[in-house]
Structure formats: structure tokens, C-alpha cells
C-alpha atoms as a PDB file:
ATOM      1  CA  MET A   1      11.800 -69.524  72.718  1.00  0.00           C
ATOM      2  CA  ARG A   2       8.468 -69.005  74.352  1.00  0.00           C
ATOM      3  CA  GLY A   3       6.893 -67.712  71.165  1.00  0.00           C
ATOM      4  CA  CYS A   4       7.253 -71.082  69.484  1.00  0.00           C
ATOM      5  CA  SER A   5       5.598 -74.443  70.181  1.00  0.00           C
ATOM      6  CA  LEU A   6       7.835 -77.438  69.614  1.00  0.00           C
ATOM      7  CA  VAL A   7       6.138 -80.704  68.694  1.00  0.00           C
ATOM      8  CA  LEU A   8       8.306 -83.827  68.651  1.00  0.00           C
ATOM      9  CA  VAL A   9       7.159 -87.439  68.491  1.00  0.00           C
ATOM     10  CA  LEU A  10       9.607 -90.211  69.404  1.00  0.00           C
ATOM     11  CA  VAL A  11       8.482 -93.760  68.656  1.00  0.00           C
ATOM     12  CA  LEU A  12       9.678 -95.964  71.495  1.00  0.00           C
ATOM     13  CA  PHE A  13       8.553 -99.301  70.051  1.00  0.00           C
ATOM     14  CA  PRO A  14       5.687-100.516  67.851  1.00  0.00           C
ATOM     15  CA  VAL A  15       2.553-102.099  69.214  1.00  0.00           C
ATOM     16  CA  LEU A  16       3.690-105.679  69.194  1.00  0.00           C
ATOM     17  CA  GLY A  17       2.150-108.434  67.123  1.00  0.00           C
ATOM     18  CA  THR A  18      -0.108-106.234  64.975  1.00  0.00           C
ATOM     19  CA  ALA A  19      -1.696-107.875  61.978  1.00  0.00           C
ATOM     20  CA  ASP A  20      -0.241-105.677  59.224  1.00  0.00           C
ATOM     21  CA  ASP A  21       2.075-102.732  58.545  1.00  0.00           C
ATOM     22  CA  LYS A  22      -0.708-100.232  59.160  1.00  0.00           C
ATOM     23  CA  ASP A  23      -1.329-101.543  62.661  1.00  0.00           C
ATOM     24  CA  ALA A  24       2.418-101.823  63.296  1.00  0.00           C
ATOM     25  CA  LYS A  25       2.734 -98.066  62.958  1.00  0.00           C
ATOM     26  CA  LYS A  26       0.568 -97.615  66.037  1.00  0.00           C
ATOM     27  CA  ALA A  27       3.112 -97.108  68.808  1.00  0.00           C
ATOM     28  CA  ASP A  28       3.726 -96.185  72.356  1.00  0.00           C
ATOM     29  CA  GLN A  29       4.951 -92.625  72.004  1.00  0.00           C
ATOM     30  CA  ILE A  30       6.543 -89.719  73.733  1.00  0.00           C
ATOM     31  CA  GLN A  31       5.199 -86.442  72.429  1.00  0.00           C
ATOM     32  CA  VAL A  32       6.552 -83.058  73.453  1.00  0.00           C
ATOM     33  CA  VAL A  33       4.288 -80.024  73.071  1.00  0.00           C
ATOM     34  CA  GLY A  34       6.092 -76.947  74.349  1.00  0.00           C
ATOM     35  CA  GLU A  35       7.399 -77.969  77.761  1.00  0.00           C
ATOM     36  CA  ASN A  36       4.809 -80.688  78.458  1.00  0.00           C
ATOM     37  CA  PRO A  37       5.868 -84.220  77.462  1.00  0.00           C
ATOM     38  CA  SER A  38       3.084 -86.765  76.964  1.00  0.00           C
ATOM     39  CA  ARG A  39       2.998 -90.542  76.658  1.00  0.00           C
ATOM     40  CA  LEU A  40       0.563 -92.995  75.118  1.00  0.00           C
ATOM     41  CA  PHE A  41       0.529 -96.639  76.239  1.00  0.00           C
ATOM     42  CA  ARG A  42      -0.961 -99.495  74.219  1.00  0.00           C
ATOM     43  CA  PHE A  43      -0.467-103.246  74.414  1.00  0.00           C
ATOM     44  CA  GLY A  44       0.409-105.966  71.917  1.00  0.00           C
ATOM     45  CA  LYS A  45       0.234-109.624  70.959  1.00  0.00           C
ATOM     46  CA  GLU A  46       3.769-110.559  71.993  1.00  0.00           C
ATOM     47  CA  GLU A  47       2.938-109.511  75.572  1.00  0.00           C
ATOM     48  CA  VAL A  48      -0.151-111.745  75.892  1.00  0.00           C
ATOM     49  CA  GLY A  49      -0.209-113.554  79.202  1.00  0.00           C
ATOM     50  CA  LYS A  50       2.512-111.337  80.655  1.00  0.00           C
ATOM     51  CA  VAL A  51       2.981-108.021  82.434  1.00  0.00           C
ATOM     52  CA  PRO A  52       3.990-105.479  79.755  1.00  0.00           C
ATOM     53  CA  LYS A  53       7.639-104.519  79.570  1.00  0.00           C
ATOM     54  CA  GLY A  54       8.300-101.455  81.720  1.00  0.00           C
ATOM     55  CA  TRP A  55       5.350-102.115  84.053  1.00  0.00           C
ATOM     56  CA  LYS A  56       5.516-103.309  87.659  1.00  0.00           C
ATOM     57  CA  VAL A  57       2.823-105.162  89.611  1.00  0.00           C
ATOM     58  CA  ALA A  58       2.275-104.214  93.258  1.00  0.00           C
ATOM     59  CA  GLN A  59      -0.436-104.342  95.878  1.00  0.00           C
ATOM     60  CA  THR A  60      -1.657-102.445  98.912  1.00  0.00           C
ATOM     61  CA  GLY A  61      -2.584-104.891 101.633  1.00  0.00           C
ATOM     62  CA  LYS A  62      -1.821-108.515 102.363  1.00  0.00           C
ATOM     63  CA  GLY A  63      -2.967-111.647 100.590  1.00  0.00           C
ATOM     64  CA  GLU A  64      -2.638-113.333  97.222  1.00  0.00           C
ATOM     65  CA  GLY A  65      -3.857-111.373  94.235  1.00  0.00           C
ATOM     66  CA  SER A  66      -2.981-108.480  91.919  1.00  0.00           C
ATOM     67  CA  VAL A  67      -2.476-110.523  88.757  1.00  0.00           C
ATOM     68  CA  TRP A  68      -2.038-108.321  85.700  1.00  0.00           C
ATOM     69  CA  LYS A  69      -1.422-109.437  82.129  1.00  0.00           C
ATOM     70  CA  VAL A  70      -2.126-108.543  78.536  1.00  0.00           C
ATOM     71  CA  VAL A  71      -5.165-110.308  77.061  1.00  0.00           C
ATOM     72  CA  ALA A  72      -6.909-110.269  73.693  1.00  0.00           C
ATOM     73  CA  ASP A  73     -10.002-108.085  73.256  1.00  0.00           C
ATOM     74  CA  ASP A  74     -11.399-107.290  69.818  1.00  0.00           C
ATOM     75  CA  THR A  75     -13.207-104.253  71.253  1.00  0.00           C
ATOM     76  CA  ALA A  76      -9.994-102.505  72.447  1.00  0.00           C
ATOM     77  CA  PRO A  77     -10.426 -98.743  71.847  1.00  0.00           C
ATOM     78  CA  SER A  78      -6.870 -98.569  70.466  1.00  0.00           C
ATOM     79  CA  HIS A  79      -7.868-101.100  67.760  1.00  0.00           C
ATOM     80  CA  SER A  80      -4.761-103.094  68.695  1.00  0.00           C
ATOM     81  CA  GLY A  81      -6.880-106.079  69.754  1.00  0.00           C
ATOM     82  CA  PHE A  82      -5.141-106.270  73.142  1.00  0.00           C
ATOM     83  CA  VAL A  83      -5.614-104.720  76.585  1.00  0.00           C
ATOM     84  CA  LEU A  84      -4.068-104.834  80.051  1.00  0.00           C
ATOM     85  CA  ALA A  85      -6.240-106.808  82.477  1.00  0.00           C
ATOM     86  CA  GLN A  86      -6.428-107.389  86.212  1.00  0.00           C
ATOM     87  CA  THR A  87      -7.572-111.009  86.425  1.00  0.00           C
ATOM     88  CA  ALA A  88      -7.296-112.092  90.076  1.00  0.00           C
ATOM     89  CA  GLU A  89     -10.106-112.544  92.555  1.00  0.00           C
ATOM     90  CA  SER A  90      -8.133-110.854  95.320  1.00  0.00           C
ATOM     91  CA  PRO A  91      -9.153-110.565  98.987  1.00  0.00           C
ATOM     92  CA  SER A  92     -11.629-107.789  99.790  1.00  0.00           C
ATOM     93  CA  ALA A  93      -9.062-105.592 101.575  1.00  0.00           C
ATOM     94  CA  LEU A  94      -6.424-105.779  98.825  1.00  0.00           C
ATOM     95  CA  PHE A  95      -5.755-103.061  96.225  1.00  0.00           C
ATOM     96  CA  ASN A  96      -4.386-104.372  92.920  1.00  0.00           C
ATOM     97  CA  LEU A  97      -1.774-102.101  91.328  1.00  0.00           C
ATOM     98  CA  CYS A  98       0.104-102.040  88.036  1.00  0.00           C
ATOM     99  CA  VAL A  99       2.473 -99.100  87.580  1.00  0.00           C
ATOM    100  CA  ALA A 100       4.375 -97.740  84.578  1.00  0.00           C
ATOM    101  CA  ASP A 101       7.784 -97.980  86.187  1.00  0.00           C
ATOM    102  CA  ASP A 102       9.631 -95.338  84.167  1.00  0.00           C
ATOM    103  CA  THR A 103       7.083 -92.549  84.683  1.00  0.00           C
ATOM    104  CA  SER A 104       7.546 -89.609  87.050  1.00  0.00           C
ATOM    105  CA  TYR A 105       5.090 -86.705  87.113  1.00  0.00           C
ATOM    106  CA  LYS A 106       4.010 -84.037  89.567  1.00  0.00           C
ATOM    107  CA  ASP A 107       1.607 -81.766  87.677  1.00  0.00           C
ATOM    108  CA  VAL A 108      -0.131 -84.198  85.368  1.00  0.00           C
ATOM    109  CA  GLU A 109      -3.215 -85.059  83.330  1.00  0.00           C
ATOM    110  CA  VAL A 110      -3.984 -88.758  82.855  1.00  0.00           C
ATOM    111  CA  SER A 111      -6.757 -90.538  80.975  1.00  0.00           C
ATOM    112  CA  VAL A 112      -7.485 -94.209  80.432  1.00  0.00           C
ATOM    113  CA  MET A 113     -10.195 -96.326  78.864  1.00  0.00           C
ATOM    114  CA  PHE A 114     -11.509 -99.059  81.156  1.00  0.00           C
ATOM    115  CA  LYS A 115     -14.090-101.811  81.025  1.00  0.00           C
ATOM    116  CA  ALA A 116     -15.405-103.602  84.111  1.00  0.00           C
ATOM    117  CA  ILE A 117     -15.613-107.330  83.348  1.00  0.00           C
ATOM    118  CA  LYS A 118     -16.772-108.862  86.617  1.00  0.00           C
ATOM    119  CA  GLY A 119     -16.509-108.803  90.384  1.00  0.00           C
ATOM    120  CA  THR A 120     -18.762-109.864  93.227  1.00  0.00           C
ATOM    121  CA  ASN A 121     -17.344-107.753  96.059  1.00  0.00           C
ATOM    122  CA  ASP A 122     -16.001-104.942  93.899  1.00  0.00           C
ATOM    123  CA  GLN A 123     -16.009-103.797  90.265  1.00  0.00           C
ATOM    124  CA  GLY A 124     -14.371-101.236  88.040  1.00  0.00           C
ATOM    125  CA  GLY A 125     -11.026 -99.555  88.496  1.00  0.00           C
ATOM    126  CA  GLY A 126      -9.088 -96.358  88.344  1.00  0.00           C
ATOM    127  CA  ILE A 127      -5.983 -94.251  87.817  1.00  0.00           C
ATOM    128  CA  VAL A 128      -3.075 -93.954  90.244  1.00  0.00           C
ATOM    129  CA  TRP A 129      -0.715 -90.963  90.216  1.00  0.00           C
ATOM    130  CA  ARG A 130       2.016 -89.372  92.342  1.00  0.00           C
ATOM    131  CA  TYR A 131       2.735 -92.970  93.304  1.00  0.00           C
ATOM    132  CA  GLN A 132       5.653 -93.119  95.755  1.00  0.00           C
ATOM    133  CA  ASP A 133       5.214 -96.767  96.696  1.00  0.00           C
ATOM    134  CA  ALA A 134       2.395 -99.272  97.234  1.00  0.00           C
ATOM    135  CA  ASN A 135       1.295 -97.428 100.386  1.00  0.00           C
ATOM    136  CA  HIS A 136       1.436 -93.798  99.200  1.00  0.00           C
ATOM    137  CA  TYR A 137      -0.447 -92.468  96.146  1.00  0.00           C
ATOM    138  CA  TYR A 138      -3.597 -90.770  94.840  1.00  0.00           C
ATOM    139  CA  ILE A 139      -6.363 -92.829  93.242  1.00  0.00           C
ATOM    140  CA  ALA A 140      -9.548 -91.906  91.350  1.00  0.00           C
ATOM    141  CA  ARG A 141     -11.777 -94.875  90.657  1.00  0.00           C
ATOM    142  CA  MET A 142     -15.214 -95.747  89.273  1.00  0.00           C
ATOM    143  CA  ASN A 143     -17.221 -98.564  90.849  1.00  0.00           C
ATOM    144  CA  PRO A 144     -20.178 -99.792  88.724  1.00  0.00           C
ATOM    145  CA  LEU A 145     -21.311-102.061  91.563  1.00  0.00           C
ATOM    146  CA  GLU A 146     -21.764 -99.106  93.940  1.00  0.00           C
ATOM    147  CA  ASP A 147     -22.666 -96.513  91.265  1.00  0.00           C
ATOM    148  CA  ASN A 148     -20.061 -94.057  92.532  1.00  0.00           C
ATOM    149  CA  TYR A 149     -16.920 -92.260  91.393  1.00  0.00           C
ATOM    150  CA  ARG A 150     -14.460 -91.431  94.161  1.00  0.00           C
ATOM    151  CA  LEU A 151     -11.153 -89.710  94.789  1.00  0.00           C
ATOM    152  CA  TYR A 152      -8.841 -90.976  97.507  1.00  0.00           C
ATOM    153  CA  LYS A 153      -5.341 -90.597  98.848  1.00  0.00           C
ATOM    154  CA  VAL A 154      -3.519 -93.613 100.217  1.00  0.00           C
ATOM    155  CA  VAL A 155      -1.161 -92.788 103.087  1.00  0.00           C
ATOM    156  CA  ALA A 156       0.732 -95.462 105.032  1.00  0.00           C
ATOM    157  CA  GLY A 157      -1.484 -98.027 103.323  1.00  0.00           C
ATOM    158  CA  LYS A 158      -4.710 -96.381 104.518  1.00  0.00           C
ATOM    159  CA  ARG A 159      -7.233 -95.098 101.969  1.00  0.00           C
ATOM    160  CA  ILE A 160      -8.767 -91.700 102.803  1.00  0.00           C
ATOM    161  CA  GLN A 161     -11.656 -90.288 100.762  1.00  0.00           C
ATOM    162  CA  LEU A 162     -11.310 -86.763  99.362  1.00  0.00           C
ATOM    163  CA  ALA A 163     -14.415 -86.503  97.140  1.00  0.00           C
ATOM    164  CA  THR A 164     -17.287 -88.592  95.781  1.00  0.00           C
ATOM    165  CA  LYS A 165     -20.048 -88.546  93.183  1.00  0.00           C
ATOM    166  CA  GLU A 166     -22.915 -90.910  94.000  1.00  0.00           C
ATOM    167  CA  ASP A 167     -25.644 -92.353  91.767  1.00  0.00           C
ATOM    168  CA  LEU A 168     -23.407 -92.398  88.711  1.00  0.00           C
ATOM    169  CA  LYS A 169     -24.039 -95.270  86.316  1.00  0.00           C
ATOM    170  CA  ALA A 170     -21.297 -97.128  84.425  1.00  0.00           C
ATOM    171  CA  PRO A 171     -22.634-100.225  82.644  1.00  0.00           C
ATOM    172  CA  VAL A 172     -20.293-103.206  82.912  1.00  0.00           C
ATOM    173  CA  LYS A 173     -18.620-104.730  79.849  1.00  0.00           C
ATOM    174  CA  THR A 174     -18.731-101.286  78.245  1.00  0.00           C
ATOM    175  CA  TRP A 175     -15.743 -99.011  77.666  1.00  0.00           C
ATOM    176  CA  HIS A 176     -15.596 -95.783  79.664  1.00  0.00           C
ATOM    177  CA  THR A 177     -13.052 -92.991  80.030  1.00  0.00           C
ATOM    178  CA  LEU A 178     -11.510 -91.832  83.306  1.00  0.00           C
ATOM    179  CA  THR A 179      -9.518 -88.583  83.388  1.00  0.00           C
ATOM    180  CA  ILE A 180      -7.658 -86.878  86.221  1.00  0.00           C
ATOM    181  CA  LYS A 181      -5.767 -83.602  86.331  1.00  0.00           C
ATOM    182  CA  MET A 182      -3.610 -82.417  89.218  1.00  0.00           C
ATOM    183  CA  VAL A 183      -1.721 -79.120  89.345  1.00  0.00           C
ATOM    184  CA  GLY A 184      -0.137 -78.214  92.651  1.00  0.00           C
ATOM    185  CA  ASP A 185      -2.689 -79.291  95.246  1.00  0.00           C
ATOM    186  CA  HIS A 186      -5.742 -79.003  92.957  1.00  0.00           C
ATOM    187  CA  ILE A 187      -7.323 -82.234  91.679  1.00  0.00           C
ATOM    188  CA  GLU A 188     -10.080 -82.551  89.051  1.00  0.00           C
ATOM    189  CA  CYS A 189     -11.582 -85.885  88.000  1.00  0.00           C
ATOM    190  CA  SER A 190     -13.821 -86.576  85.000  1.00  0.00           C
ATOM    191  CA  PHE A 191     -15.821 -89.571  83.835  1.00  0.00           C
ATOM    192  CA  ASP A 192     -16.771 -90.039  80.181  1.00  0.00           C
ATOM    193  CA  GLY A 193     -15.815 -86.438  79.449  1.00  0.00           C
ATOM    194  CA  LYS A 194     -17.697 -84.740  82.301  1.00  0.00           C
ATOM    195  CA  LYS A 195     -16.057 -83.391  85.456  1.00  0.00           C
ATOM    196  CA  TYR A 196     -17.556 -84.754  88.668  1.00  0.00           C
ATOM    197  CA  LEU A 197     -14.892 -84.377  91.351  1.00  0.00           C
ATOM    198  CA  ASP A 198     -12.899 -81.346  92.501  1.00  0.00           C
ATOM    199  CA  ALA A 199     -10.696 -81.256  95.583  1.00  0.00           C
ATOM    200  CA  LYS A 200      -7.503 -79.872  97.075  1.00  0.00           C
ATOM    201  CA  ASP A 201      -4.876 -81.871  98.928  1.00  0.00           C
ATOM    202  CA  ASP A 202      -1.156 -81.379  99.555  1.00  0.00           C
ATOM    203  CA  THR A 203      -0.345 -84.636 101.341  1.00  0.00           C
ATOM    204  CA  LEU A 204       1.725 -86.027  98.443  1.00  0.00           C
ATOM    205  CA  PRO A 205       3.563 -83.058  96.895  1.00  0.00           C
ATOM    206  CA  LYS A 206       6.352 -84.919  95.086  1.00  0.00           C
ATOM    207  CA  ALA A 207       6.413 -86.280  91.559  1.00  0.00           C
ATOM    208  CA  GLY A 208       5.516 -89.946  91.326  1.00  0.00           C
ATOM    209  CA  LYS A 209       4.666 -92.773  88.984  1.00  0.00           C
ATOM    210  CA  VAL A 210       1.392 -93.312  87.109  1.00  0.00           C
ATOM    211  CA  GLY A 211      -0.490 -96.584  87.088  1.00  0.00           C
ATOM    212  CA  LEU A 212      -3.746 -98.525  87.210  1.00  0.00           C
ATOM    213  CA  TRP A 213      -5.787 -99.851  90.114  1.00  0.00           C
ATOM    214  CA  THR A 214      -8.606-102.192  91.029  1.00  0.00           C
ATOM    215  CA  LYS A 215      -9.837-103.423  94.375  1.00  0.00           C
ATOM    216  CA  ALA A 216     -10.436-106.960  95.637  1.00  0.00           C
ATOM    217  CA  ASP A 217     -12.022-109.215  92.973  1.00  0.00           C
ATOM    218  CA  ALA A 218     -12.679-106.423  90.461  1.00  0.00           C
ATOM    219  CA  GLN A 219     -11.526-107.838  87.135  1.00  0.00           C
ATOM    220  CA  SER A 220     -11.196-105.053  84.598  1.00  0.00           C
ATOM    221  CA  TYR A 221      -9.609-104.223  81.238  1.00  0.00           C
ATOM    222  CA  PHE A 222      -7.585-101.059  80.488  1.00  0.00           C
ATOM    223  CA  ASP A 223      -6.433 -99.472  77.223  1.00  0.00           C
ATOM    224  CA  GLU A 224      -5.192 -96.175  75.758  1.00  0.00           C
ATOM    225  CA  LEU A 225      -3.432 -94.790  78.845  1.00  0.00           C
ATOM    226  CA  LYS A 226      -2.447 -91.200  78.052  1.00  0.00           C
ATOM    227  CA  ILE A 227      -0.226 -89.094  80.300  1.00  0.00           C
ATOM    228  CA  MET A 228       0.641 -85.422  79.879  1.00  0.00           C
ATOM    229  CA  GLY A 229       2.610 -83.453  82.415  1.00  0.00           C
ATOM    230  CA  LYS A 230       5.964 -82.724  83.912  1.00  0.00           C
END
């Protein structure tokens, strides 16, 4: 029935370890609007010190690193008091990945709140989508150390730049919003609500997983991951 819009919310599980019943009602959700399912990911107290259930840690490149876990943060945009953090000081050539393992999207819009905590060689982080494996995916990331926002594809473990916005400021230890949208081969990337990147690429045409990314020793916090697509 194309003339009708169906809205359905399925609560998968409550945000864990919330302080009272009001907070406990905040949940990771699946929402269906018409034919476009969406998901909202938050993190909870019972997952502190661990990788959240349903998430998988990976890395592009060799070396020790890519350590992800839930940590406490009173400034979390979700008001849950907890965020997902990349905490390792990884080698400079290593990409740290944490992927929502049960996601699969082709045409998709993704947003996430992130906060750069520290990093000497690299800072910030980004969104991964159409993730096939640790060597094949798209990534849009913001780097406060370099003052740039860039779009890449990773093919056979090699990162290839598709678009960039230079001289863009993102103060560290402050929450910012990254948003990407890809339909077919068309990619649009926004930062704090403003579109900066626009490109076309058909290298990775299949549906894939959605996840989070940092490079090298970039230690960053993430919250409120929202995915809409099919």
C-alpha cells in the first residue's frame, strides 16, 4: 500500500545499566518508516570495559592495536552516560575498526556523534559503510589534527581518496556529528549538519556492514549511531 506510511518500533534491548526506569526506556531500536528500516545504537553500563554485544573489532594493516570498549562519559549525547571508545595507541599505518556485525545496507544514511580525545600521529575518526571485510569498505573521517574531512574507499587494504575538505576545524574533546549518505554510486558527506563532500564511485556496489573507524593512535569516543537504509 504505497499510499500509507507504516511506522513500527521494535525494542531490541534496553540501554544497559541505566540509573532509573526513565533511562531504561532508552533503547537500541529498529524503526521502519515505509520501506526504510532504521537503527539506533547506544551503549550501557553492563558493557563497560568490553566490546558491545553484536559488534566485532577488526583492523586494516598489521600490528597490535584496535582496542574498542565501552567507557563512562557524563557528556554522552545520548544521556546514557556511556560511549564506545577506541583506546589503543596503534601503529601509524593501522586502521582501527569496530563493526556492527548484524548490519547489511547498500543504499544508506548513517550519522554518529564523535569526540576526539587524543592522538599524537592522528586524531578523530569516522564512519565505515558497505564493509565487506577489513580490506574493502568506504570511510568518511574527520581529522582535527590535520583540519580536514575526507572520503576514501579501501580496496585490497589500500586507502584511496575520493574527496576532501581542507581547513575545517573540529575542536578536540568536543562532540561533533558526522553524516554520510550513499545511494547507488553517489556519496554525500556532512559535518555538523553541513555538506562538504560529494563524489561518485561504484567500486563497492554490494550491501555491507556499518561501523566506526580511527587511524593509528587516534583515541576517540562515539555515541548515537543512527542508520537508515536498505
